[in-house]
């Protein structure tokens, strides 16, 4: 059920994949559950691509496809548990944008360090400002998985020291990656740059709540390409306005798009991007190709996806 308006090359990718010519394409978004039900009627497999609106659980339960395959996050509207109880298999395609997100994280880190957000506007009056080098600085990673480990490798490649905290990171694995494992509070207090790479658990408090945000120094840079719910966003805005943070780069937000009056839009030390860290030609191709390969030949392509319900 793709929406091709945000990525015009997607249709060609689908048609070029094995089995792509047998796929019934929906090139416009469904605006309600009735439209979605009509579109998926009679389908064995429903493919949900990243650019489309979230799937409606009621429509899926009414039409009962055999499986749902998601290229990217499933979205809040669909309930995997309810679909699973109804006998509808649900799959996603994890980890396929890890390189894209890691590279974008490093891009944001460098832009913040060199104060590019403020310089873009200052260029009109030719008022350059001094930034900071990253070599020798400590990058603190909150979360350690496909993305976090790639960010660590990239950061070490430009001379940064790297520390990490994760519920699943042990000393041996950290040492093998050239990374120092640290307790979370100590990492936040010591790091020059903090980057988040965790999943958000619905119903739980932000990992960076007011107490932990207070551990960050006035020159610390904070980057979030993971989930907005990981941070107490109200407290983040307050601390940034009070000059208690060196800068923030946010690719995920509590309101997307941000309201026009939101201070994050205009603050000289805030860099806000429209949820694009994962979006590269290569990642899009991997998402679509793997989801489509499984949808058209589930037995031979089972290793490309992960069953979540």
Protein backbone atom coordinates (compact mmCIF):
# COMPACT_ATOMS: atom_id res chain seq x y z
CA UNK A 1 0.00 0.00 0.00
CA UNK A 2 2.67 2.53 -0.92
CA UNK A 3 2.27 6.25 -1.31
CA UNK A 4 4.67 7.15 -4.10
CA UNK A 5 4.35 10.91 -3.84
CA UNK A 6 7.15 11.20 -1.29
CA UNK A 7 9.49 8.95 -3.27
CA UNK A 8 8.79 9.00 -7.01
CA UNK A 9 11.36 6.28 -7.79
CA UNK A 10 9.56 3.72 -5.65
CA UNK A 11 7.24 2.50 -8.38
CA UNK A 12 10.21 1.66 -10.59
CA UNK A 13 11.89 -0.20 -7.75
CA UNK A 14 8.78 -2.31 -7.19
CA UNK A 15 8.42 -3.13 -10.87
CA UNK A 16 12.09 -4.08 -11.09
CA UNK A 17 12.00 -6.54 -8.19
CA UNK A 18 11.39 -10.25 -8.73
CA UNK A 19 7.63 -10.71 -8.70
CA UNK A 20 7.06 -6.97 -8.83
CA UNK A 21 4.99 -7.12 -11.98
CA UNK A 22 2.41 -9.24 -10.15
CA UNK A 23 1.92 -6.66 -7.40
CA UNK A 24 -1.24 -4.54 -7.32
CA UNK A 25 -0.02 -1.03 -6.55
CA UNK A 26 -1.90 1.65 -4.65
CA UNK A 27 -0.22 4.90 -5.58
CA UNK A 28 -2.44 7.22 -3.53
CA UNK A 29 -2.91 7.09 0.26
CA UNK A 30 -6.11 5.69 1.77
CA UNK A 31 -7.83 8.36 3.82
CA UNK A 32 -10.13 6.03 5.78
CA UNK A 33 -10.62 2.38 6.71
CA UNK A 34 -13.26 1.83 4.00
CA UNK A 35 -10.83 2.82 1.26
CA UNK A 36 -8.14 0.59 2.74
CA UNK A 37 -10.54 -2.36 2.95
CA UNK A 38 -11.50 -1.93 -0.70
CA UNK A 39 -7.88 -1.72 -1.78
CA UNK A 40 -6.70 -4.87 0.01
CA UNK A 41 -9.81 -6.95 -0.73
CA UNK A 42 -8.80 -10.39 -1.99
CA UNK A 43 -5.08 -9.84 -1.31
CA UNK A 44 -3.02 -12.70 0.08
CA UNK A 45 -0.31 -10.32 1.32
CA UNK A 46 -0.48 -6.62 2.17
CA UNK A 47 2.77 -4.67 1.81
CA UNK A 48 3.01 -1.49 3.85
CA UNK A 49 5.75 0.87 2.72
CA UNK A 50 7.29 3.62 4.87
CA UNK A 51 5.73 6.58 3.00
CA UNK A 52 2.13 5.38 3.39
CA UNK A 53 -0.22 6.24 6.28
CA UNK A 54 -0.41 3.65 9.07
CA UNK A 55 -2.56 0.61 8.38
CA UNK A 56 -5.98 0.42 10.00
CA UNK A 57 -6.40 -2.66 12.18
CA UNK A 58 -10.16 -2.81 11.63
CA UNK A 59 -9.79 -2.93 7.84
CA UNK A 60 -7.19 -5.69 8.10
CA UNK A 61 -9.37 -7.74 10.43
CA UNK A 62 -12.33 -7.30 8.12
CA UNK A 63 -10.50 -8.43 4.97
CA UNK A 64 -8.22 -11.04 6.58
CA UNK A 65 -5.14 -11.15 4.34
CA UNK A 66 -2.80 -14.01 5.16
CA UNK A 67 0.08 -11.73 6.09
CA UNK A 68 1.19 -8.13 6.43
CA UNK A 69 4.77 -7.25 5.48
CA UNK A 70 6.08 -3.87 6.56
CA UNK A 71 9.02 -2.13 4.92
CA UNK A 72 9.88 0.08 7.86
CA UNK A 73 7.96 0.74 11.12
CA UNK A 74 4.44 -0.69 11.31
CA UNK A 75 2.89 2.53 12.57
CA UNK A 76 0.69 3.26 15.54
CA UNK A 77 -2.68 2.54 13.92
CA UNK A 78 -2.13 -1.17 13.34
CA UNK A 79 -2.15 -3.54 16.31
CA UNK A 80 0.22 -6.49 15.68
CA UNK A 81 -1.10 -8.42 18.67
CA UNK A 82 -4.72 -8.16 17.49
CA UNK A 83 -3.71 -9.18 13.98
CA UNK A 84 -1.76 -12.14 15.31
CA UNK A 85 -4.71 -13.32 17.39
CA UNK A 86 -6.81 -13.23 14.23
CA UNK A 87 -4.32 -15.45 12.43
CA UNK A 88 -2.81 -12.68 10.32
CA UNK A 89 0.97 -12.95 10.26
CA UNK A 90 2.86 -9.67 10.66
CA UNK A 91 6.48 -9.14 9.56
CA UNK A 92 8.89 -6.23 9.40
CA UNK A 93 12.28 -5.65 7.79
CA UNK A 94 14.65 -4.64 10.61
CA UNK A 95 18.07 -3.09 10.37
CA UNK A 96 18.06 -2.23 6.68
CA UNK A 97 18.64 1.50 7.26
CA UNK A 98 21.38 1.13 9.86
CA UNK A 99 24.12 2.51 7.63
CA UNK A 100 21.92 5.39 6.50
CA UNK A 101 20.98 6.40 10.05
CA UNK A 102 24.55 6.05 11.31
CA UNK A 103 25.92 8.25 8.53
CA UNK A 104 23.22 10.84 9.14
CA UNK A 105 23.98 10.84 12.86
CA UNK A 106 27.60 11.63 12.12
CA UNK A 107 26.49 14.36 9.72
CA UNK A 108 24.40 15.99 12.46
CA UNK A 109 27.26 15.63 14.94
CA UNK A 110 29.68 17.46 12.64
CA UNK A 111 27.15 20.16 11.78
CA UNK A 112 26.46 20.86 15.45
CA UNK A 113 30.14 20.85 16.34
CA UNK A 114 30.89 23.44 13.65
CA UNK A 115 27.76 25.45 14.53
CA UNK A 116 26.37 25.18 11.04
CA UNK A 117 22.72 25.90 12.05
CA UNK A 118 23.67 29.42 13.20
CA UNK A 119 26.10 29.95 10.32
CA UNK A 120 23.45 29.32 7.65
CA UNK A 121 21.58 32.48 8.60
CA UNK A 122 24.76 34.40 9.43
CA UNK A 123 26.10 33.78 5.93
CA UNK A 124 23.77 36.47 4.62
CA UNK A 125 25.75 39.07 6.61
CA UNK A 126 29.01 37.11 6.36
CA UNK A 127 29.44 36.62 10.10
CA UNK A 128 31.39 33.37 10.57
CA UNK A 129 31.65 31.84 14.04
CA UNK A 130 34.14 29.39 15.46
CA UNK A 131 33.05 25.80 15.98
CA UNK A 132 34.74 22.90 17.72
CA UNK A 133 36.80 19.99 16.43
CA UNK A 134 35.57 16.50 17.20
CA UNK A 135 38.92 14.68 17.37
CA UNK A 136 39.60 13.60 20.93
CA UNK A 137 36.10 14.46 22.14
CA UNK A 138 34.01 11.82 23.90
CA UNK A 139 30.90 10.56 22.11
CA UNK A 140 28.42 8.88 24.45
CA UNK A 141 26.06 6.41 22.78
CA UNK A 142 22.81 5.62 24.58
CA UNK A 143 21.89 2.30 23.00
CA UNK A 144 23.98 -0.32 21.29
CA UNK A 145 22.73 -2.24 18.29
CA UNK A 146 23.09 -2.16 14.53
CA UNK A 147 22.97 1.63 14.41
CA UNK A 148 24.86 2.44 17.59
CA UNK A 149 27.75 0.15 16.70
CA UNK A 150 28.03 1.72 13.24
CA UNK A 151 28.01 5.23 14.70
CA UNK A 152 30.80 4.13 17.03
CA UNK A 153 32.93 2.90 14.14
CA UNK A 154 32.39 6.10 12.15
CA UNK A 155 33.15 8.33 15.13
CA UNK A 156 36.33 6.44 15.95
CA UNK A 157 37.32 6.90 12.32
CA UNK A 158 37.41 10.68 12.77
CA UNK A 159 39.37 10.45 16.00
CA UNK A 160 36.64 10.54 18.63
CA UNK A 161 36.68 8.55 21.81
CA UNK A 162 33.49 6.51 22.24
CA UNK A 163 31.62 5.31 25.31
CA UNK A 164 28.32 3.49 25.34
CA UNK A 165 25.52 2.39 27.61
CA UNK A 166 22.87 -0.17 26.82
CA UNK A 167 20.92 -2.71 28.86
CA UNK A 168 22.49 -5.36 26.63
CA UNK A 169 26.08 -4.13 26.30
CA UNK A 170 28.71 -5.92 28.35
CA UNK A 171 32.36 -5.05 28.94
CA UNK A 172 33.68 -7.76 26.62
CA UNK A 173 31.57 -6.67 23.64
CA UNK A 174 32.43 -3.02 24.26
CA UNK A 175 36.15 -3.75 24.44
CA UNK A 176 36.01 -5.72 21.19
CA UNK A 177 34.47 -2.69 19.48
CA UNK A 178 36.98 -0.25 20.92
CA UNK A 179 34.29 1.33 23.08
CA UNK A 180 34.16 2.00 26.83
CA UNK A 181 31.05 0.67 28.56
CA UNK A 182 29.77 3.15 31.16
CA UNK A 183 26.81 3.53 33.51
CA UNK A 184 24.20 5.79 31.93
CA UNK A 185 24.40 8.67 34.41
CA UNK A 186 28.20 8.75 34.27
CA UNK A 187 28.13 8.71 30.48
CA UNK A 188 25.71 11.65 30.33
CA UNK A 189 27.80 13.68 32.75
CA UNK A 190 31.11 13.04 30.97
CA UNK A 191 30.33 12.96 27.24
CA UNK A 192 30.92 15.92 24.95
CA UNK A 193 28.29 14.59 22.55
CA UNK A 194 25.37 12.27 23.42
CA UNK A 195 23.55 10.34 20.69
CA UNK A 196 20.43 8.22 21.27
CA UNK A 197 19.99 4.82 19.63
CA UNK A 198 17.32 3.04 21.67
CA UNK A 199 13.80 1.89 20.98
CA UNK A 200 11.09 3.68 22.93
CA UNK A 201 8.86 1.46 25.03
CA UNK A 202 5.23 2.72 25.04
CA UNK A 203 3.97 3.72 28.45
CA UNK A 204 7.39 4.17 30.04
CA UNK A 205 9.06 7.36 31.19
CA UNK A 206 11.60 9.03 28.89
CA UNK A 207 15.14 7.71 29.25
CA UNK A 208 16.36 11.30 29.30
CA UNK A 209 13.97 12.74 31.86
CA UNK A 210 14.50 16.06 33.64
CA UNK A 211 16.98 14.56 36.10
CA UNK A 212 19.14 13.00 33.41
CA UNK A 213 18.96 16.02 31.11
CA UNK A 214 20.38 18.02 34.04
CA UNK A 215 23.46 15.79 33.94
CA UNK A 216 24.39 17.18 30.51
CA UNK A 217 26.82 20.07 30.66
CA UNK A 218 26.18 23.52 29.13
CA UNK A 219 28.44 22.67 26.17
CA UNK A 220 27.16 19.14 25.58
CA UNK A 221 25.64 18.36 22.20
CA UNK A 222 22.59 16.06 22.08
CA UNK A 223 21.52 14.11 18.97
CA UNK A 224 18.36 12.06 18.55
CA UNK A 225 17.70 10.04 15.40
CA UNK A 226 15.81 7.30 17.29
CA UNK A 227 12.49 8.18 18.95
CA UNK A 228 11.20 11.48 20.35
CA UNK A 229 9.67 9.66 23.35
CA UNK A 230 13.18 8.94 24.65
CA UNK A 231 13.48 12.59 25.77
CA UNK A 232 11.38 14.83 28.00
CA UNK A 233 10.87 17.30 25.16
CA UNK A 234 9.39 20.04 27.32
CA UNK A 235 12.40 19.99 29.59
CA UNK A 236 14.71 19.88 26.57
CA UNK A 237 13.16 23.06 25.19
CA UNK A 238 13.47 24.75 28.58
CA UNK A 239 17.13 23.85 29.00
CA UNK A 240 18.02 24.92 25.47
CA UNK A 241 16.28 28.28 25.95
CA UNK A 242 18.17 28.76 29.22
CA UNK A 243 21.55 28.10 27.53
CA UNK A 244 22.02 24.92 29.54
CA UNK A 245 22.88 22.83 26.46
CA UNK A 246 25.49 23.31 23.78
CA UNK A 247 23.13 22.31 20.99
CA UNK A 248 20.59 19.73 19.85
CA UNK A 249 20.03 17.91 16.57
CA UNK A 250 16.64 16.22 16.28
CA UNK A 251 15.40 14.07 13.43
CA UNK A 252 12.44 12.81 15.51
CA UNK A 253 10.04 15.12 17.33
CA UNK A 254 7.04 15.06 19.62
CA UNK A 255 5.05 16.91 16.94
CA UNK A 256 5.77 16.19 13.29
CA UNK A 257 5.85 18.62 11.62
CA UNK A 258 6.72 21.12 14.30
CA UNK A 259 4.25 23.97 14.78
CA UNK A 260 5.41 27.22 13.23
CA UNK A 261 5.84 28.87 16.63
CA UNK A 262 7.87 26.05 18.19
CA UNK A 263 11.17 27.48 19.52
CA UNK A 264 13.11 24.51 18.12
CA UNK A 265 12.42 25.84 14.62
CA UNK A 266 14.37 29.03 15.19
CA UNK A 267 16.92 28.46 17.94
CA UNK A 268 20.48 29.05 16.66
CA UNK A 269 21.76 25.92 18.41
CA UNK A 270 18.95 23.63 17.25
CA UNK A 271 19.14 21.58 14.08
CA UNK A 272 15.81 19.99 13.17
CA UNK A 273 15.34 17.64 10.20
CA UNK A 274 12.11 16.02 8.92
CA UNK A 275 12.54 12.39 10.06
CA UNK A 276 14.93 11.65 7.21
CA UNK A 277 17.88 9.87 8.84
CA UNK A 278 16.91 6.52 7.30
CA UNK A 279 15.99 7.90 3.90
CA UNK A 280 18.60 7.10 1.27
CA UNK A 281 18.19 5.58 -2.18
CA UNK A 282 20.04 2.49 -0.98
CA UNK A 283 17.94 1.98 2.16
CA UNK A 284 14.67 2.50 0.30
CA UNK A 285 15.72 -0.09 -2.28
CA UNK A 286 16.63 -2.60 0.45
CA UNK A 287 13.35 -2.08 2.32
CA UNK A 288 11.21 -2.49 -0.75
CA UNK A 289 13.21 -5.32 -2.32
CA UNK A 290 13.33 -7.45 0.83
CA UNK A 291 9.66 -6.92 1.70
CA UNK A 292 8.60 -7.67 -1.85
CA UNK A 293 10.85 -10.70 -2.15
CA UNK A 294 9.27 -12.20 0.96
CA UNK A 295 5.74 -11.29 -0.10
CA UNK A 296 6.13 -13.02 -3.47
CA UNK A 297 8.25 -15.99 -2.31
CA UNK A 298 7.92 -16.35 1.48
CA UNK A 299 9.62 -19.73 1.75
CA UNK A 300 12.76 -18.79 -0.15
CA UNK A 301 13.08 -15.26 1.31
CA UNK A 302 12.17 -15.98 4.93
CA UNK A 303 15.57 -14.81 6.18
CA UNK A 304 14.94 -11.26 4.96
CA UNK A 305 12.18 -10.42 7.43
CA UNK A 306 11.32 -10.80 11.11
CA UNK A 307 7.97 -12.06 12.33
CA UNK A 308 6.53 -9.77 15.00
CA UNK A 309 3.06 -11.30 15.39
